[in-house]
Amino acid sequence: MLLDLIDFVLNIAGLLLWLNWRTIRLDPINRLTPATLAGTVRRAEPMRLQRWHFLVALGALLFVRAVFYGQIGPAVNWTPKLNLTVLSLAFPLTHGGHVFYRSALLFSLLSFLLALLIFYLWLLGLAVINRRITNPDPFQKLLLLQLGRPARWPLIVQIALPFVAGTALWMLCHPLLVHIGVISPVRSKSVLLAQGLILSLNAYLSLKFLLVGILLIHVITSYIYLGNNPVWDFVNTTSRNILSLNWVPLRIGKFDFAPLLAIALIVLVFYWPLPGKINYLLDKHNLTLWPH
């Protein structure tokens, strides 16, 4: 629906504001320290944006779109939903003819937070794939700067981080979701923990879009010259690190089948609905995680 597309586009805009907030402190001009008295004189140029400007703009974006959803949603019979694959969270916008702006605001915040978490999960995945690179290219350095300290953590910690962060976030947000009426209360804390683990496991499966996209671009750039660009260098380096099949003779003439085979394996592994299978087995033994 059109409003779902608008929500997606606004999440991208919110991500750009967040990234600008994260990177503006890395601007060498902003970090210059005056060495002389003349250097302290304000330059005659338009005022530069400060870091807090981007956070204020992000907060305004999330708040304004929540108001927009609360006004437009009931008029067009649209209910905002967060699709978590194994669970779809519907946020009611009307009740007895009154708009629930709290529900719209919570959806606006969680929709952006979900996009932000997936983005950082992808950055973490790229850091794991390219962790053996001793001299990263400029694009890889930019991604590592965005990721921050987790880029330098041990491998086992990096792999476990999305599980811990996703589960903790679900347990923190659950009371709010119950209060708004999005989801029913759980029987115990152990069930809530299991829900968080299932949702975190499902988040890992979003890597399929990233890995398949990188390999497809690698195939294209292997046979079509797109010019010199750090992005293409990064894609090719990452693709070579993804491919662990160099010992298999998959090249026939000038055509390399390794990326296509890797794509097929990724589709086979990541598109297999493991969280849904686990949820099905639990339901089969009357251990329903998602009360209705």
Protein backbone atom coordinates (compact mmCIF):
# COMPACT_ATOMS: atom_id res chain seq x y z
CA MET A 1 0.00 0.00 0.00
CA LEU A 2 1.09 3.60 -0.55
CA LEU A 3 1.43 4.35 3.17
CA ASP A 4 3.66 1.31 3.64
CA LEU A 5 5.91 2.63 0.86
CA ILE A 6 5.93 6.08 2.48
CA ASP A 7 6.91 4.49 5.79
CA PHE A 8 9.79 2.67 4.09
CA VAL A 9 11.05 5.85 2.39
CA LEU A 10 10.84 7.81 5.64
CA ASN A 11 12.81 5.10 7.40
CA ILE A 12 15.55 5.53 4.78
CA ALA A 13 15.45 9.29 5.38
CA GLY A 14 15.72 8.66 9.12
CA LEU A 15 18.71 6.38 8.57
CA LEU A 16 20.45 9.11 6.54
CA LEU A 17 19.89 11.60 9.36
CA TRP A 18 21.26 9.07 11.84
CA LEU A 19 24.33 8.39 9.70
CA ASN A 20 25.01 12.12 9.35
CA TRP A 21 24.78 12.47 13.13
CA ARG A 22 27.29 9.63 13.47
CA THR A 23 29.75 10.85 10.84
CA ILE A 24 29.79 14.62 11.24
CA ARG A 25 32.16 14.30 14.19
CA LEU A 26 34.63 12.59 11.82
CA ASP A 27 34.77 15.64 9.55
CA PRO A 28 38.40 16.84 9.75
CA ILE A 29 37.33 20.49 9.39
CA ASN A 30 35.11 20.19 12.46
CA ARG A 31 37.96 18.66 14.45
CA LEU A 32 40.51 21.40 13.65
CA THR A 33 41.84 23.22 16.72
CA PRO A 34 42.88 26.86 16.25
CA ALA A 35 46.64 27.24 16.57
CA THR A 36 46.75 31.03 16.43
CA LEU A 37 44.65 33.97 17.53
CA ALA A 38 43.63 34.53 13.92
CA GLY A 39 42.42 30.95 13.78
CA THR A 40 39.80 31.71 16.44
CA VAL A 41 38.15 34.39 14.30
CA ARG A 42 34.83 33.21 12.92
CA ARG A 43 34.96 32.67 9.17
CA ALA A 44 32.53 34.50 6.93
CA GLU A 45 30.56 31.50 5.76
CA PRO A 46 27.11 30.03 6.38
CA MET A 47 26.69 28.38 9.77
CA ARG A 48 27.66 24.72 9.68
CA LEU A 49 25.20 22.09 10.85
CA GLN A 50 25.90 20.75 14.32
CA ARG A 51 25.49 17.12 15.38
CA TRP A 52 22.43 17.83 17.48
CA HIS A 53 20.66 19.33 14.46
CA PHE A 54 20.44 15.87 12.89
CA LEU A 55 19.05 14.28 16.06
CA VAL A 56 16.43 17.01 16.35
CA ALA A 57 15.51 16.53 12.70
CA LEU A 58 15.24 12.76 13.23
CA GLY A 59 13.01 13.21 16.28
CA ALA A 60 10.83 15.67 14.37
CA LEU A 61 10.55 13.27 11.44
CA LEU A 62 9.41 10.40 13.67
CA PHE A 63 6.93 12.58 15.55
CA VAL A 64 5.43 14.31 12.49
CA ARG A 65 4.96 11.05 10.61
CA ALA A 66 3.25 9.57 13.70
CA VAL A 67 0.77 12.45 13.66
CA PHE A 68 0.34 11.95 9.91
CA TYR A 69 -0.36 8.24 10.39
CA GLY A 70 -2.83 8.97 13.17
CA GLN A 71 -4.75 11.38 10.95
CA ILE A 72 -4.59 9.57 7.61
CA GLY A 73 -4.58 5.91 8.71
CA PRO A 74 -8.20 5.71 9.94
CA ALA A 75 -9.44 7.75 6.97
CA VAL A 76 -8.04 5.27 4.45
CA ASN A 77 -8.64 2.19 6.62
CA TRP A 78 -4.90 1.56 7.05
CA THR A 79 -3.45 -0.23 10.04
CA PRO A 80 0.34 0.09 10.43
CA LYS A 81 2.07 -3.24 10.87
CA LEU A 82 5.56 -4.42 11.70
CA ASN A 83 6.29 -7.61 9.78
CA LEU A 84 8.66 -9.74 11.87
CA THR A 85 8.10 -12.79 9.61
CA VAL A 86 7.11 -15.14 12.43
CA LEU A 87 4.91 -12.43 13.91
CA SER A 88 3.07 -9.44 12.51
CA LEU A 89 2.41 -6.60 14.95
CA ALA A 90 -0.65 -4.49 14.11
CA PHE A 91 -0.90 -1.08 15.77
CA PRO A 92 -4.53 0.06 16.24
CA LEU A 93 -5.07 3.70 15.30
CA THR A 94 -8.73 4.04 16.29
CA HIS A 95 -10.77 3.04 19.29
CA GLY A 96 -14.28 4.26 19.79
CA GLY A 97 -13.75 6.91 17.12
CA HIS A 98 -10.69 8.42 18.82
CA VAL A 99 -7.24 8.35 17.31
CA PHE A 100 -4.61 6.59 19.38
CA TYR A 101 -1.60 8.84 18.76
CA ARG A 102 0.38 6.83 21.30
CA SER A 103 -0.02 3.75 19.10
CA ALA A 104 1.01 5.71 15.99
CA LEU A 105 4.01 7.19 17.81
CA LEU A 106 5.11 3.78 19.09
CA PHE A 107 4.82 2.34 15.59
CA SER A 108 6.83 5.24 14.14
CA LEU A 109 9.61 4.71 16.70
CA LEU A 110 9.70 0.92 16.41
CA SER A 111 9.53 0.96 12.60
CA PHE A 112 12.63 3.16 12.47
CA LEU A 113 14.34 1.17 15.24
CA LEU A 114 13.77 -2.06 13.31
CA ALA A 115 15.33 -0.53 10.17
CA LEU A 116 18.26 0.76 12.26
CA LEU A 117 18.86 -2.65 13.87
CA ILE A 118 18.82 -4.44 10.50
CA PHE A 119 21.24 -1.86 9.10
CA TYR A 120 23.71 -2.42 11.94
CA LEU A 121 23.24 -6.19 11.69
CA TRP A 122 24.32 -5.90 8.04
CA LEU A 123 27.32 -3.77 9.03
CA LEU A 124 28.25 -6.37 11.63
CA GLY A 125 27.91 -9.12 9.02
CA LEU A 126 30.23 -7.23 6.67
CA ALA A 127 32.72 -6.75 9.49
CA VAL A 128 32.71 -10.49 10.19
CA ILE A 129 33.11 -11.39 6.51
CA ASN A 130 36.00 -8.96 6.01
CA ARG A 131 37.61 -9.28 9.43
CA ARG A 132 40.83 -10.76 7.96
CA ILE A 133 41.52 -7.71 5.81
CA THR A 134 44.55 -5.92 7.24
CA ASN A 135 44.41 -2.92 4.92
CA PRO A 136 40.73 -2.04 4.37
CA ASP A 137 39.71 0.18 1.48
CA PRO A 138 38.10 3.60 2.15
CA PHE A 139 34.55 2.26 1.88
CA GLN A 140 35.30 -0.56 4.33
CA LYS A 141 36.85 1.98 6.73
CA LEU A 142 33.68 4.08 6.54
CA LEU A 143 31.53 1.08 7.41
CA LEU A 144 33.78 0.15 10.32
CA LEU A 145 33.60 3.72 11.63
CA GLN A 146 29.80 3.56 11.50
CA LEU A 147 29.79 0.26 13.37
CA GLY A 148 32.09 1.60 16.07
CA ARG A 149 33.60 -0.53 18.82
CA PRO A 150 31.79 -3.78 17.92
CA ALA A 151 33.89 -3.86 14.72
CA ARG A 152 36.93 -4.68 16.88
CA TRP A 153 35.29 -7.17 19.23
CA PRO A 154 36.10 -10.93 19.15
CA LEU A 155 34.28 -13.00 16.54
CA ILE A 156 32.15 -14.96 19.02
CA VAL A 157 30.97 -11.72 20.62
CA GLN A 158 30.10 -10.23 17.24
CA ILE A 159 28.04 -13.30 16.32
CA ALA A 160 26.21 -13.34 19.67
CA LEU A 161 25.59 -9.58 19.80
CA PRO A 162 22.43 -9.55 17.63
CA PHE A 163 20.95 -12.37 19.75
CA VAL A 164 21.56 -10.47 22.98
CA ALA A 165 20.54 -7.05 21.66
CA GLY A 166 17.43 -8.32 19.85
CA THR A 167 16.20 -10.37 22.81
CA ALA A 168 16.82 -7.53 25.28
CA LEU A 169 15.01 -5.05 23.02
CA TRP A 170 12.00 -7.35 22.68
CA MET A 171 11.78 -7.82 26.45
CA LEU A 172 11.99 -4.06 26.99
CA CYS A 173 9.37 -3.21 24.35
CA HIS A 174 6.93 -5.96 25.30
CA PRO A 175 5.24 -4.06 28.19
CA LEU A 176 4.62 -1.09 25.88
CA LEU A 177 3.16 -3.36 23.20
CA VAL A 178 0.87 -4.97 25.77
CA HIS A 179 -0.22 -1.56 27.09
CA ILE A 180 -1.12 -0.30 23.61
CA GLY A 181 -2.98 -3.53 22.84
CA VAL A 182 -0.68 -4.73 20.07
CA ILE A 183 0.11 -8.06 21.71
CA SER A 184 -1.23 -10.16 24.59
CA PRO A 185 0.64 -10.70 27.86
CA VAL A 186 2.82 -13.80 28.18
CA ARG A 187 2.57 -16.55 30.77
CA SER A 188 6.09 -16.17 32.13
CA LYS A 189 9.44 -14.49 31.63
CA SER A 190 10.80 -17.69 30.09
CA VAL A 191 8.20 -17.48 27.29
CA LEU A 192 9.14 -13.83 26.74
CA LEU A 193 12.80 -14.82 26.54
CA ALA A 194 11.99 -17.57 24.02
CA GLN A 195 10.05 -15.06 21.91
CA GLY A 196 13.05 -12.74 21.86
CA LEU A 197 15.41 -15.53 20.83
CA ILE A 198 13.13 -16.63 17.98
CA LEU A 199 12.80 -13.06 16.69
CA SER A 200 16.56 -12.53 16.98
CA LEU A 201 17.24 -15.72 15.02
CA ASN A 202 14.85 -14.51 12.35
CA ALA A 203 16.74 -11.19 12.14
CA TYR A 204 19.86 -13.07 11.03
CA LEU A 205 17.94 -14.29 8.00
CA SER A 206 17.74 -10.71 6.70
CA LEU A 207 21.41 -11.13 5.73
CA LYS A 208 20.22 -13.06 2.69
CA PHE A 209 19.30 -9.80 0.92
CA LEU A 210 22.72 -8.30 1.63
CA LEU A 211 24.76 -11.35 0.61
CA VAL A 212 22.79 -12.11 -2.54
CA GLY A 213 22.90 -8.45 -3.56
CA ILE A 214 26.68 -8.26 -3.14
CA LEU A 215 27.25 -11.45 -5.12
CA LEU A 216 24.94 -10.33 -7.93
CA ILE A 217 26.78 -7.00 -8.20
CA HIS A 218 30.06 -8.94 -8.20
CA VAL A 219 28.84 -11.04 -11.15
CA ILE A 220 27.84 -7.89 -13.05
CA THR A 221 31.11 -6.04 -12.38
CA SER A 222 33.08 -9.13 -13.37
CA TYR A 223 31.82 -8.95 -16.95
CA ILE A 224 30.82 -5.28 -17.34
CA TYR A 225 33.31 -2.51 -16.68
CA LEU A 226 31.65 0.15 -14.52
CA GLY A 227 34.71 2.30 -13.94
CA ASN A 228 37.00 2.72 -10.96
CA ASN A 229 35.06 3.18 -7.75
CA PRO A 230 35.80 2.25 -4.11
CA VAL A 231 32.33 0.72 -3.86
CA TRP A 232 33.05 -1.80 -6.64
CA ASP A 233 36.40 -2.63 -5.03
CA PHE A 234 34.64 -3.22 -1.72
CA VAL A 235 31.98 -5.40 -3.36
CA ASN A 236 34.59 -7.52 -5.14
CA THR A 237 36.67 -7.93 -1.98
CA THR A 238 33.63 -8.88 0.07
CA SER A 239 32.47 -11.34 -2.59
CA ARG A 240 35.85 -13.07 -2.59
CA ASN A 241 35.62 -13.39 1.19
CA ILE A 242 32.09 -14.78 0.98
CA LEU A 243 33.17 -17.37 -1.56
CA SER A 244 34.93 -20.25 0.19
CA LEU A 245 34.81 -22.55 -2.83
CA ASN A 246 38.13 -21.68 -4.47
CA TRP A 247 39.26 -25.27 -4.16
CA VAL A 248 36.37 -26.42 -6.36
CA PRO A 249 36.95 -26.10 -10.15
CA LEU A 250 33.91 -23.94 -10.93
CA ARG A 251 35.41 -21.91 -13.76
CA ILE A 252 34.68 -22.95 -17.33
CA GLY A 253 36.60 -20.81 -19.77
CA LYS A 254 36.06 -17.20 -18.78
CA PHE A 255 32.88 -17.88 -16.84
CA ASP A 256 33.07 -18.35 -13.06
CA PHE A 257 30.17 -20.32 -11.56
CA ALA A 258 31.30 -19.85 -7.93
CA PRO A 259 29.18 -16.71 -7.24
CA LEU A 260 26.08 -18.36 -8.73
CA LEU A 261 26.60 -21.48 -6.65
CA ALA A 262 27.09 -19.31 -3.55
CA ILE A 263 23.83 -17.48 -4.30
CA ALA A 264 22.04 -20.82 -4.61
CA LEU A 265 23.45 -21.96 -1.25
CA ILE A 266 22.47 -18.70 0.44
CA VAL A 267 18.94 -18.99 -0.91
CA LEU A 268 18.78 -22.61 0.26
CA VAL A 269 20.05 -21.86 3.77
CA PHE A 270 18.63 -18.42 4.51
CA TYR A 271 15.26 -18.84 2.87
CA TRP A 272 14.58 -22.02 4.80
CA PRO A 273 12.08 -20.80 7.43
CA LEU A 274 13.93 -22.07 10.51
CA PRO A 275 12.21 -19.77 13.05
CA GLY A 276 8.83 -20.74 11.60
CA LYS A 277 9.72 -24.43 11.87
CA ILE A 278 10.71 -23.97 15.51
CA ASN A 279 7.47 -22.10 16.18
CA TYR A 280 5.49 -24.89 14.47
CA LEU A 281 7.13 -27.58 16.61
CA LEU A 282 6.42 -25.63 19.79
CA ASP A 283 2.76 -25.17 18.80
CA LYS A 284 2.52 -28.87 18.04
CA HIS A 285 3.50 -29.66 21.63
CA ASN A 286 1.12 -27.03 23.05
CA LEU A 287 3.97 -24.63 23.82
CA THR A 288 2.54 -21.64 21.97
CA LEU A 289 4.84 -18.63 22.18
CA TRP A 290 2.47 -16.09 20.67
CA PRO A 291 -0.81 -15.93 22.65
CA HIS A 292 -3.86 -14.64 20.80
